[in-house]
Protein backbone atom coordinates (compact mmCIF):
# COMPACT_ATOMS: atom_id res chain seq x y z
CA MET A 1 58.47 50.53 184.49
CA ASP A 2 61.06 52.32 182.58
CA GLN A 3 58.59 52.96 179.84
CA LYS A 4 56.10 54.63 182.26
CA ASN A 5 58.97 56.87 183.58
CA LYS A 6 59.82 57.93 180.17
CA ASP A 7 56.08 58.79 179.43
CA LEU A 8 55.98 60.81 182.65
CA GLU A 9 59.11 62.70 181.59
CA LYS A 10 57.82 63.36 178.32
CA PHE A 11 54.53 64.81 179.66
CA LEU A 12 56.21 66.89 182.13
CA ASN A 13 58.47 68.27 179.25
CA PHE A 14 55.33 68.90 177.21
CA LEU A 15 53.80 70.96 179.89
CA SER A 16 57.04 72.82 180.42
CA GLY A 17 57.28 73.76 176.59
CA LYS A 18 60.16 71.35 176.00
CA SER A 19 58.30 68.78 174.01
CA LYS A 20 60.35 69.57 170.78
CA LYS A 21 63.35 67.36 170.51
CA ALA A 22 66.59 68.29 168.58
CA ALA A 23 67.08 66.93 165.10
CA PRO A 24 69.06 63.62 165.12
CA SER A 25 72.85 63.84 164.52
CA GLU A 26 74.68 62.14 161.44
CA GLY A 27 75.95 59.58 163.56
CA ASP A 28 72.57 58.31 164.59
CA SER A 29 71.25 55.37 162.82
CA GLY A 30 68.08 55.28 160.97
CA ASP A 31 66.71 52.47 163.18
CA ASN A 32 66.94 55.11 166.10
CA VAL A 33 65.08 57.54 164.12
CA VAL A 34 62.37 55.30 163.56
CA LYS A 35 62.19 53.97 167.05
CA MET A 36 62.03 57.60 168.38
CA SER A 37 59.21 58.26 166.10
CA LYS A 38 57.36 55.46 167.49
CA LYS A 39 57.73 56.66 170.76
CA GLY A 40 55.77 60.20 170.91
CA PRO A 41 53.64 61.34 173.84
CA LYS A 42 50.69 59.27 174.92
CA ASN A 43 46.99 60.69 175.34
CA PRO A 44 46.93 62.79 178.79
CA LYS A 45 43.15 61.80 179.53
CA LYS A 46 44.10 60.31 182.85
CA TYR A 47 45.77 63.61 184.00
CA ILE A 48 42.60 65.60 182.79
CA SER A 49 40.42 63.32 184.53
CA LEU A 50 42.56 63.97 187.72
CA ALA A 51 42.44 67.66 187.36
CA VAL A 52 38.56 67.55 187.10
CA THR A 53 38.29 65.36 189.95
CA LEU A 54 40.25 67.65 191.96
CA THR A 55 38.38 70.62 190.55
CA VAL A 56 35.06 69.07 191.72
CA ILE A 57 36.22 68.22 195.16
CA PHE A 58 37.34 71.90 195.47
CA ALA A 59 33.93 72.98 194.20
CA LEU A 60 32.26 70.85 196.63
CA VAL A 61 34.07 72.03 199.42
CA ILE A 62 33.61 75.63 198.56
CA THR A 63 29.81 75.04 198.17
CA LEU A 64 29.83 73.25 201.61
CA LEU A 65 31.72 76.20 203.27
CA THR A 66 29.52 78.73 201.65
CA ASN A 67 26.23 77.05 202.76
CA ILE A 68 27.37 76.80 206.50
CA TYR A 69 25.95 79.81 208.43
CA ILE A 70 26.69 80.76 212.10
CA VAL A 71 23.86 81.81 214.49
CA LYS A 72 25.14 84.36 217.15
CA GLU A 73 23.62 84.76 220.62
CA SER A 74 22.57 88.23 219.51
CA GLU A 75 20.17 87.34 216.45
CA TYR A 76 17.89 84.99 214.83
CA ALA A 77 18.62 83.20 211.63
CA VAL A 78 15.58 82.80 209.23
CA VAL A 79 15.79 80.38 206.40
CA ARG A 80 13.82 80.74 203.43
CA GLN A 81 13.13 78.47 200.42
CA PHE A 82 11.90 79.90 197.13
CA GLY A 83 10.87 82.91 199.27
CA GLU A 84 8.83 81.01 201.71
CA VAL A 85 9.97 80.85 205.42
CA VAL A 86 10.77 77.41 206.29
CA LYS A 87 12.47 77.44 209.71
CA PHE A 88 14.37 79.98 212.00
CA GLU A 89 17.06 79.40 214.55
CA ARG A 90 16.97 81.01 217.74
CA GLU A 91 19.91 79.14 219.64
CA PRO A 92 23.30 80.12 218.78
CA GLY A 93 25.41 77.56 216.77
CA LEU A 94 26.64 76.23 213.48
CA ASN A 95 23.76 75.31 210.83
CA MET A 96 23.57 74.22 207.32
CA LYS A 97 21.30 75.19 204.30
CA ILE A 98 20.50 73.64 201.08
CA PRO A 99 22.80 75.29 198.30
CA PHE A 100 21.05 77.28 195.76
CA ILE A 101 17.51 76.60 196.98
CA GLN A 102 17.48 78.10 200.62
CA SER A 103 18.67 81.76 201.79
CA VAL A 104 19.31 82.86 205.23
CA THR A 105 18.28 86.21 206.72
CA LYS A 106 19.70 87.46 210.04
CA LEU A 107 17.61 89.49 212.58
CA PRO A 108 18.76 91.25 215.66
CA LYS A 109 17.66 89.63 219.00
CA ASN A 110 18.29 92.35 221.29
CA GLN A 111 16.10 95.61 221.82
CA MET A 112 16.39 98.40 219.24
CA THR A 113 15.66 102.11 219.30
CA TYR A 114 13.65 104.00 216.53
CA GLU A 115 13.77 107.55 215.88
CA ILE A 116 10.32 108.56 214.89
CA SER A 117 10.00 111.55 212.44
CA GLU A 118 8.64 114.67 213.86
CA GLU A 119 5.00 115.25 213.16
CA GLU A 120 2.46 118.15 213.73
CA ILE A 121 -0.71 117.46 215.53
CA ASN A 122 -3.70 119.42 216.93
CA THR A 123 -4.41 119.24 220.63
CA LYS A 124 -8.01 119.45 222.11
CA ASP A 125 -7.84 123.41 222.40
CA LYS A 126 -6.88 123.59 218.67
CA LYS A 127 -3.15 124.38 219.33
CA ARG A 128 -0.76 123.22 216.82
CA ILE A 129 2.29 121.26 218.24
CA ILE A 130 5.28 119.26 216.77
CA ILE A 131 5.94 115.96 218.67
CA ASP A 132 9.36 114.48 218.70
CA ASN A 133 9.51 110.92 220.17
CA TYR A 134 11.23 107.60 219.92
CA ALA A 135 10.37 103.99 220.40
CA VAL A 136 12.16 101.11 221.83
CA TRP A 137 11.22 97.57 220.29
CA ARG A 138 12.35 94.14 219.70
CA ILE A 139 11.39 91.06 217.55
CA THR A 140 9.29 88.21 219.19
CA ASP A 141 8.62 86.15 216.20
CA PRO A 142 11.11 86.15 213.22
CA LYS A 143 8.91 84.00 211.02
CA LEU A 144 5.96 86.52 211.22
CA LEU A 145 8.12 89.29 210.70
CA ILE A 146 9.53 87.99 207.58
CA SER A 147 6.25 86.59 206.21
CA ASN A 148 4.10 89.71 206.98
CA ALA A 149 6.57 92.56 206.67
CA GLY A 150 9.58 91.12 204.66
CA THR A 151 12.17 93.54 206.31
CA ILE A 152 13.21 95.35 209.54
CA GLU A 153 12.66 98.64 207.44
CA LYS A 154 9.23 97.83 206.47
CA VAL A 155 8.09 96.76 209.96
CA GLU A 156 9.58 99.78 211.36
CA SER A 157 7.73 102.01 208.81
CA ARG A 158 4.40 100.32 209.83
CA MET A 159 5.36 100.69 213.58
CA GLU A 160 5.81 104.43 212.83
CA GLU A 161 2.47 104.84 211.09
CA PHE A 162 0.82 103.31 214.20
CA ILE A 163 2.75 105.25 216.71
CA TYR A 164 1.70 108.53 215.01
CA SER A 165 -1.86 107.57 214.73
CA VAL A 166 -2.25 106.64 218.31
CA ILE A 167 -0.41 109.78 219.55
CA ARG A 168 -2.52 111.90 217.38
CA SER A 169 -5.57 110.42 218.75
CA GLU A 170 -4.54 110.50 222.38
CA LEU A 171 -3.15 114.09 222.28
CA GLY A 172 -6.09 115.22 220.39
CA ARG A 173 -8.27 114.35 223.65
CA ILE A 174 -6.05 116.78 225.97
CA ASN A 175 -5.48 120.48 226.14
CA TYR A 176 -2.19 122.03 225.35
CA THR A 177 -1.53 123.21 228.95
CA GLU A 178 -2.15 119.83 230.31
CA ILE A 179 0.38 118.22 227.96
CA ILE A 180 3.25 120.78 228.77
CA ASN A 181 2.56 121.06 232.38
CA ASP A 182 5.25 119.09 234.24
CA GLU A 183 3.12 118.99 237.36
CA ASP A 184 0.37 117.05 235.40
CA SER A 185 0.94 113.27 235.52
CA SER A 186 -1.25 112.71 232.39
CA ARG A 187 1.97 112.87 230.17
CA GLY A 188 3.35 109.76 231.79
CA SER A 189 0.17 107.89 231.34
CA ILE A 190 0.00 108.88 227.68
CA ASN A 191 3.32 107.09 227.06
CA ASP A 192 1.89 104.03 228.70
CA GLN A 193 -1.35 104.29 226.62
CA VAL A 194 0.37 104.74 223.55
CA THR A 195 2.73 101.65 223.87
CA GLU A 196 -0.29 99.47 224.84
CA ARG A 197 -2.47 100.55 221.82
CA VAL A 198 0.47 100.31 219.23
CA ASN A 199 1.06 96.64 220.54
CA GLU A 200 -2.69 95.87 219.91
CA LEU A 201 -2.40 97.13 216.31
CA LEU A 202 1.00 95.29 215.63
CA SER A 203 -0.54 92.08 217.27
CA ASN A 204 -3.50 92.37 215.00
CA ASP A 205 -1.45 92.47 211.88
CA ASN A 206 0.82 89.58 213.13
CA TYR A 207 4.07 91.53 212.41
CA GLY A 208 6.02 89.45 215.09
CA ILE A 209 7.36 92.40 217.11
CA GLU A 210 6.58 93.99 220.23
CA VAL A 211 7.03 97.84 221.18
CA VAL A 212 8.69 97.94 224.80
CA ASP A 213 8.41 101.62 225.26
CA VAL A 214 7.18 104.76 223.51
CA ARG A 215 8.43 108.14 224.77
CA ILE A 216 7.58 111.77 223.88
CA ARG A 217 11.03 113.46 223.98
CA ARG A 218 10.06 116.99 222.99
CA ILE A 219 7.11 119.08 222.28
CA ASP A 220 7.56 122.15 220.08
CA LEU A 221 5.27 124.78 218.56
CA PRO A 222 5.37 125.89 215.04
CA THR A 223 7.60 128.82 214.39
CA GLU A 224 4.67 130.90 213.20
CA ASN A 225 2.55 130.40 216.48
CA GLU A 226 5.46 130.43 219.13
CA GLN A 227 5.11 134.18 219.93
CA SER A 228 1.24 134.23 220.04
CA VAL A 229 1.19 130.94 222.25
CA PHE A 230 3.80 132.46 224.61
CA THR A 231 1.92 135.68 225.02
CA ASN A 232 -1.23 133.86 225.86
CA MET A 233 0.68 131.58 228.38
CA ILE A 234 2.19 134.70 230.04
CA SER A 235 -1.31 136.27 230.41
CA ASP A 236 -2.77 133.16 231.69
CA ARG A 237 -0.10 132.72 234.40
CA GLU A 238 -0.31 136.42 235.46
CA SER A 239 -3.99 135.87 235.89
CA ILE A 240 -3.53 132.74 237.86
CA ALA A 241 -0.91 134.56 240.00
CA GLN A 242 -3.32 137.52 240.75
CA LYS A 243 -5.98 134.93 241.64
CA TYR A 244 -3.61 133.20 243.95
CA LEU A 245 -2.60 136.70 245.43
CA SER A 246 -6.25 137.66 245.88
CA GLU A 247 -7.13 134.27 247.51
CA GLY A 248 -3.99 134.62 249.75
CA ASP A 249 -5.06 138.16 250.85
CA ALA A 250 -8.46 137.17 251.71
CA GLN A 251 -7.13 134.06 253.63
CA LYS A 252 -4.84 136.45 255.33
CA ARG A 253 -7.56 138.91 256.69
CA ARG A 254 -9.89 135.87 257.54
CA ILE A 255 -6.99 134.47 259.78
CA GLU A 256 -6.13 137.88 261.30
CA ALA A 257 -9.87 138.62 262.20
CA GLN A 258 -10.15 135.19 263.79
CA THR A 259 -6.95 135.53 265.67
CA ASP A 260 -8.22 139.09 266.99
CA GLN A 261 -11.51 137.73 268.23
CA HIS A 262 -9.82 134.66 269.73
CA VAL A 263 -7.41 137.03 271.59
CA GLN A 264 -10.10 139.29 272.65
CA GLU A 265 -12.07 136.30 274.06
CA MET A 266 -8.83 135.23 275.82
CA LEU A 267 -8.25 138.53 277.47
CA ALA A 268 -11.83 139.27 278.50
CA LYS A 269 -11.95 135.68 280.05
CA ALA A 270 -8.41 136.16 281.74
CA SER A 271 -9.65 139.73 282.95
CA LYS A 272 -12.93 138.08 284.32
CA GLU A 273 -10.86 135.57 286.23
CA ALA A 274 -8.35 138.13 287.53
CA ALA A 275 -11.15 140.30 288.89
CA LEU A 276 -12.88 137.41 290.48
CA ILE A 277 -9.53 136.20 292.25
CA GLN A 278 -8.69 139.63 293.25
CA ALA A 279 -12.12 140.22 294.84
CA GLU A 280 -12.00 136.82 296.63
CA GLY A 281 -8.43 138.01 297.90
CA GLU A 282 -9.54 141.15 299.06
CA ALA A 283 -12.59 139.63 300.82
CA GLU A 284 -10.28 137.17 302.37
CA ALA A 285 -7.90 139.83 303.44
CA ALA A 286 -10.64 141.88 304.84
CA LYS A 287 -12.10 138.76 306.85
CA ILE A 288 -8.44 138.31 308.13
CA TYR A 289 -8.07 141.91 309.13
CA ASN A 290 -11.37 141.96 310.90
CA LYS A 291 -10.49 138.87 312.90
CA SER A 292 -7.00 140.33 313.81
CA PHE A 293 -8.25 143.71 314.51
CA SER A 294 -11.18 142.80 316.52
CA GLN A 295 -8.86 141.31 319.22
CA ASP A 296 -7.41 144.76 320.01
CA PRO A 297 -9.70 147.57 319.16
CA GLU A 298 -7.13 150.26 320.17
CA PHE A 299 -4.42 148.85 318.11
CA TYR A 300 -6.69 148.71 315.36
CA SER A 301 -7.56 152.52 315.84
CA LEU A 302 -4.05 153.37 316.11
CA TYR A 303 -2.98 151.46 312.79
CA ARG A 304 -5.87 153.12 311.07
CA THR A 305 -4.79 156.47 312.01
CA LEU A 306 -1.18 155.60 310.97
CA GLU A 307 -2.40 154.38 307.76
CA SER A 308 -4.39 157.68 306.99
CA TYR A 309 -1.08 159.53 307.81
CA LYS A 310 0.47 157.87 304.94
CA LYS A 311 -2.18 158.86 302.66
CA THR A 312 -2.69 162.54 303.85
CA ILE A 313 0.81 163.61 304.79
CA GLY A 314 3.40 164.26 302.19
CA GLU A 315 6.43 166.26 301.71
CA ASP A 316 4.59 169.54 301.16
CA THR A 317 1.61 168.87 303.39
CA VAL A 318 0.36 171.63 305.52
CA ILE A 319 -1.90 170.65 308.48
CA ILE A 320 -3.67 173.01 310.78
CA LEU A 321 -4.85 171.47 313.92
CA PRO A 322 -6.04 172.81 317.14
CA ALA A 323 -3.26 172.58 319.76
CA THR A 324 -5.54 170.55 321.95
CA SER A 325 -6.15 167.98 319.24
CA PRO A 326 -5.09 164.31 320.03
CA TYR A 327 -3.99 164.25 316.47
CA ALA A 328 -1.52 167.14 317.18
CA ASN A 329 -0.35 165.85 320.29
CA ILE A 330 0.56 162.70 318.60
CA LEU A 331 2.34 164.59 315.70
CA SER A 332 4.18 166.60 318.47
CA GLY A 333 5.41 163.35 320.14
CA TYR A 334 3.11 163.96 323.17
CA ILE A 335 1.64 160.79 324.47
CA LYS A 336 0.16 160.20 327.77
């Protein structure tokens, strides 16, 4: 046991650089010198073996840790072996891949927005316009995306080509004024049609993605065409405004004529009814008068005389009558 301790001490001294011993003194015997020479450091193979073992264990731990991957809730993990997709993980958690053989590619699970490059197209009426739009899309099958497209950048490039092709086709069947007119609902239907058609093309090529929405954000004119187009638009709007004014004036005159005619008809009808009512009233009054006056003819004669006075005698009336005239007697206040 003491020998082992001595060997360990010698090995530690050797590692620390103290392996060289001082020369023996004169007082030391020759036997002691011989014994010290026989007890030199032993072969450190067992320590080398221990170091190799620890190194291997450490390497295995590092390899194990580097081949564990975590799948988050907002992503997919696609495992490839020699470039071929062997599996993909949808659920979040801790997973393991084969070292040096398999590789892991992470793909986003949430919806993404892709800014599409501005492109120039021609409308049905041969107007050149610049379209600025964007797309909202998501991954539906990571395995198909990796197998057929390889990367997100490549699948976005293919999606942009499809969107541009479909928009150019759809807007090429519509006049420029219909595209920019906010009152026209065709622009909203164009977005839906483009989205549906792009998804059909992506599904045919099995890219494993879905376009949620395609929106036209802005429509501009080429710089060299802006002024001429604006001038034409102003002229068109003025023509339309003049047309509306002319139609409004014609409608106004038509309404006024119809109203005047209706008023005249109402007034004539009212006058006719008033005349009939008045005639009926006068006839009824005459009938009442006749009935009343027939009961006392003298009173009726007196009443008629007095009524004639009201009509014939005024402030400046001059009457010349014989003195013996009954009319003169009555005016004079002479009554028998």
